């Protein structure tokens, strides 16, 4: 048996119960907010096609420039998608290639390979 001095009073139980309800409500509100809006902005236009770019043989500086260009153009409509190599259509070694393969098979995404191994200058000139 537990001595009465160790049992919480009805007032303490009420406070604990109230805290539990408030915490539950907070979690529900946060979950609703997260599910209602993604953690990234959406584009003004949906994707119609993507130029695929290989990162193989590019310097870190080139990759940063390409990622910046891709992000800037995605404000209006995503246009550039980076994969690890030219074999993206069959590769299972990088998640970006696998994701793009899924987009092609499940959503019939149109992949434009003309810039796959183009130089940074050619890619920037295109956009």
N, C-alpha and C. Protein backbone atom coordinates (compact mmCIF):
# COMPACT_ATOMS: atom_id res chain seq x y z
N UNK A 1 0.83 -1.19 0.00
CA UNK A 1 0.00 0.00 0.00
C UNK A 1 0.86 1.24 0.00
N UNK A 2 0.32 2.32 -0.60
CA UNK A 2 1.04 3.58 -0.70
C UNK A 2 0.47 4.54 0.34
N UNK A 3 1.32 5.16 1.16
CA UNK A 3 0.80 6.11 2.15
C UNK A 3 0.11 7.28 1.46
N UNK A 4 -0.90 7.85 2.14
CA UNK A 4 -1.67 8.96 1.57
C UNK A 4 -0.78 10.15 1.22
N UNK A 5 0.28 10.36 1.96
CA UNK A 5 1.17 11.50 1.72
C UNK A 5 1.85 11.39 0.37
N UNK A 6 1.99 10.18 -0.17
CA UNK A 6 2.67 10.00 -1.45
C UNK A 6 1.72 10.07 -2.65
N UNK A 7 0.41 10.04 -2.40
CA UNK A 7 -0.57 10.11 -3.48
C UNK A 7 -0.80 11.56 -3.87
N UNK A 8 -0.95 11.85 -5.17
CA UNK A 8 -1.23 13.24 -5.58
C UNK A 8 -2.64 13.63 -5.19
N UNK A 9 -2.83 14.90 -4.87
CA UNK A 9 -4.16 15.40 -4.50
C UNK A 9 -5.00 15.52 -5.77
N UNK A 10 -6.32 15.60 -5.64
CA UNK A 10 -7.18 15.78 -6.82
C UNK A 10 -6.81 17.04 -7.60
N UNK A 11 -6.35 18.09 -6.92
CA UNK A 11 -5.95 19.32 -7.58
C UNK A 11 -4.72 19.07 -8.45
N UNK A 12 -3.74 18.32 -7.92
CA UNK A 12 -2.55 18.00 -8.69
C UNK A 12 -2.90 17.13 -9.90
N UNK A 13 -3.80 16.19 -9.73
CA UNK A 13 -4.23 15.35 -10.85
C UNK A 13 -4.89 16.19 -11.93
N UNK A 14 -5.68 17.17 -11.54
CA UNK A 14 -6.32 18.06 -12.49
C UNK A 14 -5.31 18.85 -13.28
N UNK A 15 -4.26 19.34 -12.62
CA UNK A 15 -3.22 20.09 -13.30
C UNK A 15 -2.48 19.21 -14.29
N UNK A 16 -2.19 17.97 -13.89
CA UNK A 16 -1.51 17.03 -14.79
C UNK A 16 -2.40 16.72 -15.99
N UNK A 17 -3.68 16.52 -15.72
CA UNK A 17 -4.61 16.22 -16.80
C UNK A 17 -4.71 17.40 -17.77
N UNK A 18 -4.76 18.62 -17.22
CA UNK A 18 -4.83 19.82 -18.04
C UNK A 18 -3.57 19.98 -18.87
N UNK A 19 -2.42 19.71 -18.27
CA UNK A 19 -1.15 19.79 -18.99
C UNK A 19 -1.15 18.80 -20.15
N UNK A 20 -1.65 17.61 -19.91
CA UNK A 20 -1.72 16.59 -20.96
C UNK A 20 -2.59 17.04 -22.12
N UNK A 21 -3.71 17.67 -21.82
CA UNK A 21 -4.61 18.16 -22.88
C UNK A 21 -3.96 19.30 -23.66
N UNK A 22 -3.31 20.21 -22.97
CA UNK A 22 -2.64 21.33 -23.63
C UNK A 22 -1.50 20.82 -24.52
N UNK A 23 -0.72 19.88 -24.00
CA UNK A 23 0.37 19.32 -24.79
C UNK A 23 -0.17 18.59 -26.01
N UNK A 24 -1.25 17.85 -25.84
CA UNK A 24 -1.86 17.14 -26.96
C UNK A 24 -2.39 18.10 -28.01
N UNK A 25 -3.01 19.18 -27.56
CA UNK A 25 -3.51 20.20 -28.48
C UNK A 25 -2.38 20.86 -29.25
N UNK A 26 -1.28 21.16 -28.56
CA UNK A 26 -0.11 21.77 -29.19
C UNK A 26 0.44 20.85 -30.28
N UNK A 27 0.57 19.58 -29.97
CA UNK A 27 1.08 18.61 -30.95
C UNK A 27 0.14 18.53 -32.15
N UNK A 28 -1.15 18.54 -31.93
CA UNK A 28 -2.12 18.47 -33.03
C UNK A 28 -2.03 19.70 -33.93
N UNK A 29 -1.88 20.88 -33.33
CA UNK A 29 -1.77 22.12 -34.10
C UNK A 29 -0.49 22.11 -34.93
N UNK A 30 0.62 21.70 -34.34
CA UNK A 30 1.89 21.65 -35.07
C UNK A 30 1.80 20.64 -36.22
N UNK A 31 1.22 19.48 -35.97
CA UNK A 31 1.08 18.45 -37.01
C UNK A 31 0.22 18.97 -38.15
N UNK A 32 -0.84 19.69 -37.85
CA UNK A 32 -1.71 20.25 -38.88
C UNK A 32 -0.96 21.29 -39.69
N UNK A 33 -0.20 22.15 -39.04
CA UNK A 33 0.55 23.18 -39.74
C UNK A 33 1.60 22.57 -40.66
N UNK A 34 2.27 21.53 -40.20
CA UNK A 34 3.31 20.89 -41.01
C UNK A 34 2.69 20.19 -42.21
N UNK A 35 1.57 19.51 -42.02
CA UNK A 35 0.95 18.80 -43.13
C UNK A 35 0.27 19.75 -44.10
N UNK A 36 -0.12 20.94 -43.66
CA UNK A 36 -0.80 21.89 -44.51
C UNK A 36 0.15 22.61 -45.45
N UNK A 37 1.39 22.82 -45.05
CA UNK A 37 2.34 23.52 -45.91
C UNK A 37 3.69 22.82 -45.85
N UNK A 38 4.25 22.52 -47.02
CA UNK A 38 5.55 21.86 -47.03
C UNK A 38 6.65 22.79 -46.52
N UNK A 39 7.78 22.25 -46.13
CA UNK A 39 8.85 23.08 -45.58
C UNK A 39 9.63 23.84 -46.65
N UNK A 40 9.19 23.76 -47.88
CA UNK A 40 9.86 24.45 -48.98
C UNK A 40 8.79 25.18 -49.80
N UNK A 41 9.16 26.23 -50.50
CA UNK A 41 8.16 26.95 -51.28
C UNK A 41 7.74 26.16 -52.52
N UNK A 42 6.55 26.38 -52.99
CA UNK A 42 6.11 25.72 -54.21
C UNK A 42 6.39 26.63 -55.40
N UNK A 43 6.48 26.03 -56.57
CA UNK A 43 6.76 26.77 -57.80
C UNK A 43 5.48 27.39 -58.33
N UNK A 44 5.66 28.45 -59.10
CA UNK A 44 4.51 29.12 -59.70
C UNK A 44 3.86 28.25 -60.76
N UNK A 45 4.64 27.42 -61.45
CA UNK A 45 4.14 26.53 -62.50
C UNK A 45 4.57 25.10 -62.22
N UNK A 46 3.76 24.12 -62.61
CA UNK A 46 4.16 22.71 -62.41
C UNK A 46 5.27 22.30 -63.37
N UNK A 47 5.90 21.20 -63.07
CA UNK A 47 6.98 20.67 -63.91
C UNK A 47 6.39 20.11 -65.19
N UNK A 48 6.97 20.51 -66.31
CA UNK A 48 6.56 19.90 -67.58
C UNK A 48 7.68 19.02 -68.11
N UNK A 49 8.91 19.44 -67.90
CA UNK A 49 10.08 18.65 -68.29
C UNK A 49 11.27 19.10 -67.45
N UNK A 50 12.28 18.24 -67.39
CA UNK A 50 13.47 18.54 -66.60
C UNK A 50 14.72 18.27 -67.43
N UNK A 51 15.66 19.20 -67.39
CA UNK A 51 16.99 18.96 -67.94
C UNK A 51 17.77 18.22 -66.87
N UNK A 52 18.31 17.08 -67.21
CA UNK A 52 19.09 16.30 -66.25
C UNK A 52 20.56 16.69 -66.42
N UNK A 53 21.24 16.90 -65.28
CA UNK A 53 22.65 17.32 -65.27
C UNK A 53 23.47 16.31 -64.49
N UNK A 54 24.56 15.88 -65.06
CA UNK A 54 25.46 14.96 -64.36
C UNK A 54 26.44 15.75 -63.51
N UNK A 55 26.65 15.30 -62.27
CA UNK A 55 27.63 15.98 -61.42
C UNK A 55 29.03 15.41 -61.59
N UNK A 56 29.16 14.32 -62.33
CA UNK A 56 30.46 13.67 -62.53
C UNK A 56 31.44 14.62 -63.22
N UNK A 57 32.62 14.75 -62.64
CA UNK A 57 33.67 15.57 -63.22
C UNK A 57 33.54 17.06 -62.95
N UNK A 58 32.59 17.47 -62.17
CA UNK A 58 32.41 18.90 -61.88
C UNK A 58 33.03 19.24 -60.52
N UNK A 59 33.55 20.44 -60.44
CA UNK A 59 34.14 20.91 -59.17
C UNK A 59 33.02 21.28 -58.21
N UNK A 60 33.37 21.42 -56.93
CA UNK A 60 32.39 21.86 -55.92
C UNK A 60 31.82 23.23 -56.29
N UNK A 61 32.65 24.08 -56.84
CA UNK A 61 32.19 25.42 -57.23
C UNK A 61 31.16 25.35 -58.36
N UNK A 62 31.41 24.47 -59.33
CA UNK A 62 30.46 24.30 -60.43
C UNK A 62 29.13 23.75 -59.90
N UNK A 63 29.22 22.78 -59.00
CA UNK A 63 28.00 22.20 -58.45
C UNK A 63 27.20 23.24 -57.66
N UNK A 64 27.89 24.08 -56.92
CA UNK A 64 27.21 25.15 -56.18
C UNK A 64 26.52 26.10 -57.15
N UNK A 65 27.20 26.45 -58.22
CA UNK A 65 26.61 27.34 -59.22
C UNK A 65 25.38 26.70 -59.86
N UNK A 66 25.48 25.42 -60.21
CA UNK A 66 24.34 24.72 -60.82
C UNK A 66 23.17 24.60 -59.86
N UNK A 67 23.46 24.31 -58.59
CA UNK A 67 22.38 24.23 -57.59
C UNK A 67 21.71 25.58 -57.40
N UNK A 68 22.50 26.65 -57.43
CA UNK A 68 21.93 28.00 -57.30
C UNK A 68 21.06 28.34 -58.51
N UNK A 69 21.54 27.99 -59.70
CA UNK A 69 20.76 28.22 -60.91
C UNK A 69 19.47 27.42 -60.89
N UNK A 70 19.56 26.16 -60.46
CA UNK A 70 18.37 25.30 -60.38
C UNK A 70 17.36 25.86 -59.38
N UNK A 71 17.84 26.30 -58.24
CA UNK A 71 16.95 26.86 -57.22
C UNK A 71 16.30 28.15 -57.67
N UNK A 72 17.07 28.99 -58.33
CA UNK A 72 16.53 30.27 -58.80
C UNK A 72 15.47 30.04 -59.89
N UNK A 73 15.75 29.15 -60.83
CA UNK A 73 14.77 28.89 -61.89
C UNK A 73 13.53 28.16 -61.35
N UNK A 74 13.70 27.39 -60.28
CA UNK A 74 12.57 26.64 -59.70
C UNK A 74 11.54 27.55 -59.04
N UNK A 75 11.90 28.79 -58.78
CA UNK A 75 10.91 29.71 -58.23
C UNK A 75 9.73 29.85 -59.19
N UNK A 76 10.04 29.87 -60.47
CA UNK A 76 8.99 29.93 -61.48
C UNK A 76 8.53 28.53 -61.87
N UNK A 77 9.49 27.68 -62.29
CA UNK A 77 9.19 26.31 -62.69
C UNK A 77 10.47 25.48 -62.60
N UNK A 78 10.45 24.34 -61.92
CA UNK A 78 11.65 23.49 -61.87
C UNK A 78 12.07 23.10 -63.29
N UNK A 79 13.37 23.23 -63.56
CA UNK A 79 13.86 22.91 -64.90
C UNK A 79 15.12 22.06 -64.89
N UNK A 80 15.89 22.12 -63.82
CA UNK A 80 17.17 21.41 -63.75
C UNK A 80 17.13 20.36 -62.65
N UNK A 81 17.70 19.19 -62.94
CA UNK A 81 17.73 18.11 -61.95
C UNK A 81 19.10 17.45 -62.02
N UNK A 82 19.78 17.38 -60.89
CA UNK A 82 21.15 16.86 -60.84
C UNK A 82 21.18 15.40 -60.42
N UNK A 83 21.95 14.61 -61.15
CA UNK A 83 22.17 13.19 -60.83
C UNK A 83 23.68 12.96 -60.76
N UNK A 84 24.08 11.81 -60.24
CA UNK A 84 25.51 11.57 -60.05
C UNK A 84 26.26 11.28 -61.34
N UNK A 85 25.60 10.62 -62.30
CA UNK A 85 26.31 10.27 -63.53
C UNK A 85 25.40 10.15 -64.73
N UNK A 86 26.02 9.94 -65.88
CA UNK A 86 25.29 9.83 -67.14
C UNK A 86 24.41 8.59 -67.18
N UNK A 87 24.67 7.62 -66.33
CA UNK A 87 23.90 6.37 -66.30
C UNK A 87 22.68 6.45 -65.39
N UNK A 88 22.15 7.64 -65.15
CA UNK A 88 21.05 7.85 -64.20
C UNK A 88 19.85 6.96 -64.47
N UNK A 89 19.58 6.65 -65.73
CA UNK A 89 18.37 5.90 -66.07
C UNK A 89 18.40 4.45 -65.57
N UNK A 90 19.60 3.92 -65.32
CA UNK A 90 19.72 2.54 -64.84
C UNK A 90 20.42 2.44 -63.49
N UNK A 91 20.94 3.54 -63.01
CA UNK A 91 21.70 3.53 -61.76
C UNK A 91 20.79 3.34 -60.55
N UNK A 92 21.27 2.55 -59.60
CA UNK A 92 20.57 2.40 -58.32
C UNK A 92 21.47 2.86 -57.18
N UNK A 93 22.60 3.47 -57.54
CA UNK A 93 23.58 3.84 -56.51
C UNK A 93 23.33 5.21 -55.90
N UNK A 94 22.56 6.08 -56.56
CA UNK A 94 22.28 7.36 -55.91
C UNK A 94 20.78 7.61 -55.90
N UNK A 95 20.33 8.17 -54.82
CA UNK A 95 18.88 8.35 -54.60
C UNK A 95 18.27 9.33 -55.58
N UNK A 96 19.04 10.29 -56.08
CA UNK A 96 18.50 11.25 -57.04
C UNK A 96 18.13 10.55 -58.34
N UNK A 97 18.98 9.63 -58.79
CA UNK A 97 18.68 8.87 -60.01
C UNK A 97 17.46 7.99 -59.81
N UNK A 98 17.39 7.32 -58.68
CA UNK A 98 16.25 6.43 -58.39
C UNK A 98 14.95 7.25 -58.33
N UNK A 99 15.00 8.43 -57.72
CA UNK A 99 13.82 9.28 -57.64
C UNK A 99 13.38 9.71 -59.04
N UNK A 100 14.34 10.10 -59.88
CA UNK A 100 14.01 10.52 -61.23
C UNK A 100 13.44 9.36 -62.05
N UNK A 101 13.99 8.18 -61.88
CA UNK A 101 13.45 6.99 -62.55
C UNK A 101 11.98 6.78 -62.15
N UNK A 102 11.69 6.98 -60.87
CA UNK A 102 10.32 6.86 -60.39
C UNK A 102 9.41 7.93 -60.98
N UNK A 103 9.91 9.13 -61.11
CA UNK A 103 9.13 10.21 -61.71
C UNK A 103 8.80 9.89 -63.17
N UNK A 104 9.76 9.30 -63.86
CA UNK A 104 9.55 8.94 -65.26
C UNK A 104 8.51 7.81 -65.37
N UNK A 105 8.68 6.77 -64.55
CA UNK A 105 7.78 5.62 -64.68
C UNK A 105 6.39 5.87 -64.09
N UNK A 106 6.31 6.54 -62.98
CA UNK A 106 5.01 6.73 -62.32
C UNK A 106 4.26 7.97 -62.80
N UNK A 107 4.98 9.01 -63.17
CA UNK A 107 4.34 10.28 -63.52
C UNK A 107 4.63 10.73 -64.94
N UNK A 108 5.30 9.87 -65.70
CA UNK A 108 5.64 10.17 -67.09
C UNK A 108 6.37 11.50 -67.24
N UNK A 109 7.27 11.79 -66.32
CA UNK A 109 8.07 13.00 -66.41
C UNK A 109 8.93 12.95 -67.67
N UNK A 110 9.05 14.08 -68.33
CA UNK A 110 9.86 14.18 -69.54
C UNK A 110 11.25 14.64 -69.13
N UNK A 111 12.25 13.82 -69.43
CA UNK A 111 13.64 14.13 -69.09
C UNK A 111 14.37 14.55 -70.36
N UNK A 112 14.98 15.71 -70.30
CA UNK A 112 15.72 16.23 -71.43
C UNK A 112 17.22 16.04 -71.17
N UNK A 113 17.88 15.16 -71.92
CA UNK A 113 19.28 14.84 -71.64
C UNK A 113 20.30 15.74 -72.35
N UNK A 114 19.86 16.75 -73.07
CA UNK A 114 20.79 17.55 -73.89
C UNK A 114 21.86 18.28 -73.08
N UNK A 115 21.62 18.54 -71.80
CA UNK A 115 22.61 19.23 -70.96
C UNK A 115 23.30 18.29 -69.98
N UNK A 116 23.09 16.99 -70.13
CA UNK A 116 23.59 16.00 -69.17
C UNK A 116 25.06 16.19 -68.86
N UNK A 117 25.88 16.32 -69.87
CA UNK A 117 27.32 16.49 -69.67
C UNK A 117 27.83 17.80 -70.26
N UNK A 118 26.94 18.77 -70.40
CA UNK A 118 27.32 20.07 -70.95
C UNK A 118 28.21 20.82 -69.96
N UNK A 119 28.97 21.74 -70.47
CA UNK A 119 29.82 22.56 -69.60
C UNK A 119 28.96 23.54 -68.82
N UNK A 120 29.54 24.04 -67.76
CA UNK A 120 28.83 25.03 -66.94
C UNK A 120 28.44 26.24 -67.80
N UNK A 121 29.33 26.68 -68.65
CA UNK A 121 29.06 27.84 -69.50
C UNK A 121 27.86 27.59 -70.42
N UNK A 122 27.78 26.38 -70.98
CA UNK A 122 26.65 26.06 -71.87
C UNK A 122 25.33 26.04 -71.09
N UNK A 123 25.37 25.51 -69.91
CA UNK A 123 24.15 25.43 -69.09
C UNK A 123 23.68 26.83 -68.68
N UNK A 124 24.61 27.65 -68.22
CA UNK A 124 24.25 29.01 -67.79
C UNK A 124 23.73 29.80 -68.99
N UNK A 125 24.34 29.63 -70.16
CA UNK A 125 23.90 30.36 -71.35
C UNK A 125 22.47 29.97 -71.73
N UNK A 126 22.08 28.74 -71.46
CA UNK A 126 20.73 28.27 -71.79
C UNK A 126 19.67 28.96 -70.92
N UNK A 127 20.07 29.36 -69.71
CA UNK A 127 19.11 29.95 -68.78
C UNK A 127 19.40 31.41 -68.53
